[in-house]
Amino acid sequence: MRETIPQAVCLRVGVFSLDTPVFGSCRKRDAAMNDNPDEVRDAEDVIENAERRIVLQDLIWPETGLATRSTIPDRPKDGLTEDDIIELTLDFVTLSLTPLEFIQLAAFLRMSIDDLLERHPSFQRAVVSAFDIRE
């Protein structure tokens, strides 16, 4: 059974978005410290209405330490639509993509790997090793 997690509240820093599940609590605390009950209620609504997500993959690659994670909204089978967001996290950067964009990115990476191997075939062993994942 896949792990389910509540969707994290997004904190934007520059052009990157960092996901942190405690951000809503921080907003709530800050609003309470400023005696603003409307902001406290807004922060509570964000946390209560957070959508449940399913973790598809969550890997830390031992060779490099690269942390990778992908999550999708919890939907019935075949219930995912182009309005839904797939989150792909690489270390501390999270990309929010539609299902089609996610598939297009995967295809682009596959084509890039093919081109890399054509120019530098010595990396073939790394590719075989990366796809030989044992759970």
N, C-alpha and C. Protein backbone atom coordinates (compact mmCIF):
# COMPACT_ATOMS: atom_id res chain seq x y z
N MET A 1 0.84 -1.18 0.00
CA MET A 1 0.00 0.00 0.00
C MET A 1 0.88 1.24 0.00
N ARG A 2 0.55 2.18 -0.84
CA ARG A 2 1.31 3.41 -0.95
C ARG A 2 1.06 4.31 0.25
N GLU A 3 2.09 5.06 0.62
CA GLU A 3 1.97 6.01 1.72
C GLU A 3 1.11 7.19 1.28
N THR A 4 0.22 7.65 2.14
CA THR A 4 -0.55 8.84 1.83
C THR A 4 -0.14 9.94 2.79
N ILE A 5 -0.07 11.15 2.28
CA ILE A 5 0.33 12.29 3.08
C ILE A 5 -0.59 13.45 2.77
N PRO A 6 -0.82 14.36 3.72
CA PRO A 6 -1.58 15.57 3.37
C PRO A 6 -0.71 16.46 2.49
N GLN A 7 -1.32 17.17 1.57
CA GLN A 7 -0.56 18.06 0.69
C GLN A 7 0.06 19.17 1.54
N ALA A 8 1.34 19.41 1.29
CA ALA A 8 2.04 20.45 2.03
C ALA A 8 1.62 21.83 1.52
N VAL A 9 1.68 22.80 2.39
CA VAL A 9 1.40 24.18 2.01
C VAL A 9 2.66 24.71 1.34
N CYS A 10 2.52 25.41 0.24
CA CYS A 10 3.67 25.82 -0.57
C CYS A 10 4.19 27.18 -0.12
N LEU A 11 5.48 27.26 0.13
CA LEU A 11 6.16 28.50 0.48
C LEU A 11 7.03 28.88 -0.71
N ARG A 12 6.79 30.02 -1.31
CA ARG A 12 7.55 30.42 -2.49
C ARG A 12 8.76 31.25 -2.08
N VAL A 13 9.91 30.85 -2.60
CA VAL A 13 11.16 31.55 -2.36
C VAL A 13 11.80 31.79 -3.71
N GLY A 14 11.83 33.02 -4.18
CA GLY A 14 12.36 33.30 -5.51
C GLY A 14 11.52 32.57 -6.54
N VAL A 15 12.20 31.86 -7.47
CA VAL A 15 11.47 31.12 -8.50
C VAL A 15 11.21 29.68 -8.08
N PHE A 16 11.75 29.26 -6.94
CA PHE A 16 11.56 27.90 -6.47
C PHE A 16 10.44 27.85 -5.46
N SER A 17 9.81 26.73 -5.31
CA SER A 17 8.83 26.57 -4.25
C SER A 17 9.33 25.47 -3.32
N LEU A 18 9.33 25.76 -2.05
CA LEU A 18 9.75 24.79 -1.06
C LEU A 18 8.51 24.30 -0.33
N ASP A 19 8.34 22.99 -0.26
CA ASP A 19 7.18 22.44 0.43
C ASP A 19 7.52 22.24 1.89
N THR A 20 6.65 22.69 2.74
CA THR A 20 6.84 22.48 4.16
C THR A 20 5.50 22.29 4.83
N PRO A 21 5.27 21.14 5.46
CA PRO A 21 3.98 20.90 6.07
C PRO A 21 3.74 21.77 7.30
N VAL A 22 4.76 22.40 7.85
CA VAL A 22 4.57 23.22 9.05
C VAL A 22 4.31 24.68 8.72
N PHE A 23 4.37 25.05 7.44
CA PHE A 23 4.21 26.46 7.08
C PHE A 23 2.87 27.00 7.53
N GLY A 24 1.79 26.20 7.36
CA GLY A 24 0.47 26.65 7.79
C GLY A 24 0.45 26.92 9.29
N SER A 25 1.09 26.06 10.06
CA SER A 25 1.16 26.28 11.50
C SER A 25 1.92 27.54 11.83
N CYS A 26 2.99 27.81 11.07
CA CYS A 26 3.75 29.04 11.28
C CYS A 26 2.89 30.26 10.98
N ARG A 27 2.09 30.20 9.89
CA ARG A 27 1.19 31.31 9.56
C ARG A 27 0.19 31.52 10.68
N LYS A 28 -0.33 30.43 11.21
CA LYS A 28 -1.31 30.51 12.28
C LYS A 28 -0.68 31.16 13.52
N ARG A 29 0.52 30.72 13.87
CA ARG A 29 1.21 31.28 15.03
C ARG A 29 1.49 32.76 14.84
N ASP A 30 2.01 33.12 13.65
CA ASP A 30 2.33 34.52 13.38
C ASP A 30 1.08 35.40 13.42
N ALA A 31 -0.02 34.89 12.86
CA ALA A 31 -1.27 35.66 12.87
C ALA A 31 -1.76 35.85 14.30
N ALA A 32 -1.65 34.79 15.12
CA ALA A 32 -2.09 34.90 16.51
C ALA A 32 -1.23 35.91 17.27
N MET A 33 0.06 35.93 16.97
CA MET A 33 0.96 36.87 17.65
C MET A 33 0.63 38.31 17.25
N ASN A 34 0.07 38.49 16.05
CA ASN A 34 -0.29 39.82 15.59
C ASN A 34 -1.75 40.15 15.90
N ASP A 35 -2.41 39.29 16.70
CA ASP A 35 -3.80 39.50 17.09
C ASP A 35 -4.72 39.68 15.88
N ASN A 36 -4.56 38.82 14.87
CA ASN A 36 -5.40 38.90 13.68
C ASN A 36 -6.17 37.58 13.54
N PRO A 37 -7.38 37.49 14.10
CA PRO A 37 -8.13 36.23 14.06
C PRO A 37 -8.53 35.79 12.65
N ASP A 38 -8.70 36.75 11.70
CA ASP A 38 -9.04 36.36 10.33
C ASP A 38 -7.92 35.55 9.70
N GLU A 39 -6.68 35.97 9.93
CA GLU A 39 -5.54 35.22 9.38
C GLU A 39 -5.42 33.86 10.04
N VAL A 40 -5.74 33.77 11.33
CA VAL A 40 -5.70 32.48 12.03
C VAL A 40 -6.70 31.53 11.38
N ARG A 41 -7.94 32.01 11.12
CA ARG A 41 -8.95 31.16 10.48
C ARG A 41 -8.51 30.77 9.07
N ASP A 42 -7.90 31.69 8.31
CA ASP A 42 -7.44 31.37 6.96
C ASP A 42 -6.39 30.26 7.00
N ALA A 43 -5.46 30.35 7.92
CA ALA A 43 -4.42 29.33 8.05
C ALA A 43 -5.04 27.98 8.42
N GLU A 44 -6.04 27.99 9.32
CA GLU A 44 -6.71 26.74 9.69
C GLU A 44 -7.45 26.14 8.51
N ASP A 45 -8.09 26.98 7.69
CA ASP A 45 -8.80 26.49 6.51
C ASP A 45 -7.84 25.83 5.54
N VAL A 46 -6.66 26.42 5.33
CA VAL A 46 -5.66 25.84 4.42
C VAL A 46 -5.27 24.46 4.90
N ILE A 47 -5.03 24.32 6.20
CA ILE A 47 -4.61 23.03 6.74
C ILE A 47 -5.74 22.01 6.66
N GLU A 48 -6.98 22.40 7.04
CA GLU A 48 -8.10 21.47 7.02
C GLU A 48 -8.46 21.05 5.60
N ASN A 49 -8.33 21.93 4.62
CA ASN A 49 -8.72 21.62 3.25
C ASN A 49 -7.57 21.05 2.42
N ALA A 50 -6.44 20.76 3.07
CA ALA A 50 -5.31 20.20 2.33
C ALA A 50 -5.71 18.85 1.73
N GLU A 51 -5.38 18.67 0.49
CA GLU A 51 -5.75 17.48 -0.25
C GLU A 51 -4.80 16.33 0.10
N ARG A 52 -5.36 15.14 0.26
CA ARG A 52 -4.52 13.97 0.52
C ARG A 52 -3.77 13.60 -0.76
N ARG A 53 -2.49 13.22 -0.58
CA ARG A 53 -1.66 12.85 -1.71
C ARG A 53 -1.08 11.46 -1.49
N ILE A 54 -0.81 10.79 -2.59
CA ILE A 54 -0.21 9.46 -2.55
C ILE A 54 1.23 9.58 -3.05
N VAL A 55 2.15 8.98 -2.34
CA VAL A 55 3.55 8.98 -2.74
C VAL A 55 3.74 7.84 -3.74
N LEU A 56 4.11 8.21 -4.99
CA LEU A 56 4.39 7.18 -6.00
C LEU A 56 5.76 6.56 -5.77
N GLN A 57 6.75 7.41 -5.63
CA GLN A 57 8.12 6.97 -5.40
C GLN A 57 8.79 7.94 -4.44
N ASP A 58 9.67 7.42 -3.61
CA ASP A 58 10.44 8.24 -2.68
C ASP A 58 11.79 7.56 -2.53
N LEU A 59 12.78 8.05 -3.27
CA LEU A 59 14.08 7.40 -3.30
C LEU A 59 15.20 8.39 -2.99
N ILE A 60 16.18 7.91 -2.24
CA ILE A 60 17.44 8.64 -2.10
C ILE A 60 18.48 7.74 -2.76
N TRP A 61 19.09 8.24 -3.81
CA TRP A 61 20.04 7.44 -4.58
C TRP A 61 21.34 7.33 -3.81
N PRO A 62 21.77 6.10 -3.47
CA PRO A 62 22.95 5.93 -2.63
C PRO A 62 24.25 6.41 -3.28
N GLU A 63 24.31 6.34 -4.62
CA GLU A 63 25.56 6.74 -5.29
C GLU A 63 25.80 8.24 -5.20
N THR A 64 24.73 9.03 -5.19
CA THR A 64 24.89 10.49 -5.24
C THR A 64 24.24 11.22 -4.07
N GLY A 65 23.32 10.55 -3.38
CA GLY A 65 22.57 11.21 -2.31
C GLY A 65 21.40 12.04 -2.82
N LEU A 66 21.13 11.97 -4.12
CA LEU A 66 20.01 12.72 -4.70
C LEU A 66 18.69 12.20 -4.13
N ALA A 67 17.93 13.09 -3.51
CA ALA A 67 16.62 12.73 -2.96
C ALA A 67 15.55 13.04 -4.00
N THR A 68 14.75 12.04 -4.33
CA THR A 68 13.70 12.19 -5.34
C THR A 68 12.39 11.68 -4.78
N ARG A 69 11.32 12.37 -5.14
CA ARG A 69 9.99 11.98 -4.64
C ARG A 69 8.94 12.45 -5.64
N SER A 70 7.93 11.63 -5.87
CA SER A 70 6.80 12.04 -6.70
C SER A 70 5.51 11.69 -5.97
N THR A 71 4.57 12.66 -6.01
CA THR A 71 3.27 12.46 -5.37
C THR A 71 2.16 12.88 -6.31
N ILE A 72 1.00 12.26 -6.12
CA ILE A 72 -0.19 12.60 -6.89
C ILE A 72 -1.36 12.77 -5.93
N PRO A 73 -2.41 13.48 -6.37
CA PRO A 73 -3.61 13.57 -5.53
C PRO A 73 -4.25 12.19 -5.37
N ASP A 74 -4.84 11.94 -4.22
CA ASP A 74 -5.54 10.68 -3.96
C ASP A 74 -6.87 10.70 -4.71
N ARG A 75 -6.94 9.95 -5.80
CA ARG A 75 -8.14 9.87 -6.65
C ARG A 75 -8.51 8.40 -6.87
N PRO A 76 -9.76 8.13 -7.21
CA PRO A 76 -10.12 6.75 -7.61
C PRO A 76 -9.36 6.37 -8.88
N LYS A 77 -9.28 5.08 -9.14
CA LYS A 77 -8.57 4.60 -10.34
C LYS A 77 -9.10 5.29 -11.57
N ASP A 78 -8.20 5.79 -12.40
CA ASP A 78 -8.50 6.53 -13.63
C ASP A 78 -9.21 7.85 -13.37
N GLY A 79 -9.12 8.38 -12.15
CA GLY A 79 -9.77 9.64 -11.81
C GLY A 79 -8.89 10.86 -11.93
N LEU A 80 -7.61 10.66 -12.28
CA LEU A 80 -6.68 11.79 -12.43
C LEU A 80 -7.01 12.55 -13.71
N THR A 81 -7.03 13.89 -13.63
CA THR A 81 -7.34 14.71 -14.80
C THR A 81 -6.21 15.71 -15.04
N GLU A 82 -6.30 16.42 -16.13
CA GLU A 82 -5.31 17.44 -16.45
C GLU A 82 -5.38 18.64 -15.51
N ASP A 83 -6.41 18.73 -14.70
CA ASP A 83 -6.50 19.79 -13.70
C ASP A 83 -5.74 19.43 -12.43
N ASP A 84 -5.35 18.16 -12.30
CA ASP A 84 -4.60 17.72 -11.12
C ASP A 84 -3.12 18.04 -11.28
N ILE A 85 -2.43 18.04 -10.15
CA ILE A 85 -1.01 18.38 -10.14
C ILE A 85 -0.21 17.19 -9.61
N ILE A 86 0.83 16.84 -10.35
CA ILE A 86 1.81 15.85 -9.90
C ILE A 86 3.01 16.65 -9.39
N GLU A 87 3.47 16.31 -8.20
CA GLU A 87 4.62 17.01 -7.64
C GLU A 87 5.84 16.11 -7.76
N LEU A 88 6.89 16.65 -8.34
CA LEU A 88 8.16 15.95 -8.49
C LEU A 88 9.18 16.75 -7.70
N THR A 89 9.76 16.14 -6.68
CA THR A 89 10.74 16.83 -5.83
C THR A 89 12.11 16.24 -6.07
N LEU A 90 13.06 17.11 -6.35
CA LEU A 90 14.47 16.75 -6.51
C LEU A 90 15.23 17.55 -5.46
N ASP A 91 15.76 16.86 -4.47
CA ASP A 91 16.37 17.50 -3.31
C ASP A 91 15.39 18.51 -2.72
N PHE A 92 15.65 19.80 -2.84
CA PHE A 92 14.77 20.78 -2.21
C PHE A 92 13.91 21.56 -3.21
N VAL A 93 13.96 21.18 -4.49
CA VAL A 93 13.16 21.86 -5.52
C VAL A 93 11.98 20.98 -5.88
N THR A 94 10.79 21.57 -5.88
CA THR A 94 9.59 20.83 -6.24
C THR A 94 8.99 21.42 -7.51
N LEU A 95 8.78 20.55 -8.50
CA LEU A 95 8.09 20.94 -9.73
C LEU A 95 6.65 20.48 -9.61
N SER A 96 5.72 21.36 -9.92
CA SER A 96 4.29 21.03 -9.94
C SER A 96 3.86 20.97 -11.39
N LEU A 97 3.50 19.77 -11.84
CA LEU A 97 3.23 19.52 -13.25
C LEU A 97 1.86 18.88 -13.44
N THR A 98 1.24 19.15 -14.58
CA THR A 98 0.03 18.41 -14.94
C THR A 98 0.48 17.00 -15.32
N PRO A 99 -0.44 16.04 -15.35
CA PRO A 99 -0.04 14.69 -15.78
C PRO A 99 0.63 14.67 -17.16
N LEU A 100 0.11 15.45 -18.11
CA LEU A 100 0.72 15.48 -19.44
C LEU A 100 2.13 16.06 -19.39
N GLU A 101 2.33 17.13 -18.63
CA GLU A 101 3.67 17.72 -18.50
C GLU A 101 4.64 16.74 -17.84
N PHE A 102 4.16 15.99 -16.85
CA PHE A 102 4.98 14.99 -16.18
C PHE A 102 5.44 13.92 -17.17
N ILE A 103 4.50 13.45 -17.99
CA ILE A 103 4.82 12.44 -19.01
C ILE A 103 5.79 13.01 -20.05
N GLN A 104 5.56 14.27 -20.46
CA GLN A 104 6.46 14.90 -21.43
C GLN A 104 7.86 15.07 -20.86
N LEU A 105 7.96 15.43 -19.57
CA LEU A 105 9.27 15.54 -18.93
C LEU A 105 9.98 14.19 -18.90
N ALA A 106 9.23 13.12 -18.58
CA ALA A 106 9.82 11.78 -18.56
C ALA A 106 10.33 11.39 -19.95
N ALA A 107 9.55 11.70 -20.98
CA ALA A 107 9.98 11.39 -22.35
C ALA A 107 11.23 12.19 -22.72
N PHE A 108 11.26 13.46 -22.33
CA PHE A 108 12.43 14.31 -22.61
C PHE A 108 13.67 13.75 -21.91
N LEU A 109 13.52 13.34 -20.66
CA LEU A 109 14.66 12.77 -19.94
C LEU A 109 15.14 11.48 -20.60
N ARG A 110 14.20 10.66 -21.04
CA ARG A 110 14.57 9.41 -21.72
C ARG A 110 15.35 9.70 -23.01
N MET A 111 14.87 10.68 -23.80
CA MET A 111 15.57 11.04 -25.03
C MET A 111 16.96 11.61 -24.71
N SER A 112 17.05 12.38 -23.65
CA SER A 112 18.33 12.96 -23.24
C SER A 112 19.32 11.87 -22.83
N ILE A 113 18.82 10.85 -22.12
CA ILE A 113 19.67 9.73 -21.73
C ILE A 113 20.16 9.00 -22.97
N ASP A 114 19.27 8.77 -23.93
CA ASP A 114 19.67 8.11 -25.18
C ASP A 114 20.77 8.90 -25.88
N ASP A 115 20.62 10.21 -25.95
CA ASP A 115 21.65 11.05 -26.59
C ASP A 115 22.95 11.03 -25.80
N LEU A 116 22.87 11.06 -24.48
CA LEU A 116 24.06 11.00 -23.65
C LEU A 116 24.82 9.70 -23.89
N LEU A 117 24.09 8.58 -23.95
CA LEU A 117 24.73 7.28 -24.15
C LEU A 117 25.32 7.15 -25.55
N GLU A 118 24.70 7.79 -26.51
CA GLU A 118 25.25 7.76 -27.87
C GLU A 118 26.60 8.46 -27.91
N ARG A 119 26.73 9.54 -27.17
CA ARG A 119 27.99 10.31 -27.14
C ARG A 119 28.99 9.75 -26.14
N HIS A 120 28.48 9.16 -25.06
CA HIS A 120 29.36 8.67 -23.99
C HIS A 120 28.88 7.30 -23.53
N PRO A 121 29.15 6.26 -24.33
CA PRO A 121 28.63 4.92 -24.03
C PRO A 121 29.14 4.33 -22.72
N SER A 122 30.20 4.88 -22.17
CA SER A 122 30.72 4.35 -20.91
C SER A 122 29.73 4.53 -19.75
N PHE A 123 28.72 5.37 -19.91
CA PHE A 123 27.71 5.56 -18.86
C PHE A 123 26.60 4.51 -18.92
N GLN A 124 26.69 3.56 -19.84
CA GLN A 124 25.68 2.51 -19.96
C GLN A 124 25.54 1.74 -18.65
N ARG A 125 26.66 1.46 -18.00
CA ARG A 125 26.61 0.72 -16.74
C ARG A 125 25.82 1.49 -15.67
N ALA A 126 25.98 2.81 -15.63
CA ALA A 126 25.25 3.62 -14.66
C ALA A 126 23.74 3.56 -14.94
N VAL A 127 23.37 3.55 -16.21
CA VAL A 127 21.95 3.47 -16.58
C VAL A 127 21.38 2.12 -16.16
N VAL A 128 22.08 1.05 -16.44
CA VAL A 128 21.61 -0.29 -16.07
C VAL A 128 21.48 -0.38 -14.55
N SER A 129 22.46 0.14 -13.84
CA SER A 129 22.42 0.12 -12.38
C SER A 129 21.24 0.93 -11.84
N ALA A 130 20.98 2.09 -12.42
CA ALA A 130 19.89 2.96 -11.94
C ALA A 130 18.53 2.32 -12.16
N PHE A 131 18.37 1.55 -13.25
CA PHE A 131 17.08 0.93 -13.52
C PHE A 131 16.92 -0.44 -12.87
N ASP A 132 17.98 -0.91 -12.22
CA ASP A 132 17.94 -2.20 -11.51
C ASP A 132 17.67 -1.93 -10.04
N ILE A 133 16.50 -1.35 -9.76
CA ILE A 133 16.13 -0.97 -8.39
C ILE A 133 15.42 -2.14 -7.74
N ARG A 134 15.91 -2.52 -6.59
CA ARG A 134 15.27 -3.62 -5.84
C ARG A 134 14.61 -3.03 -4.61
N GLU A 135 13.35 -3.42 -4.39
CA GLU A 135 12.63 -2.92 -3.21
C GLU A 135 12.65 -3.96 -2.12
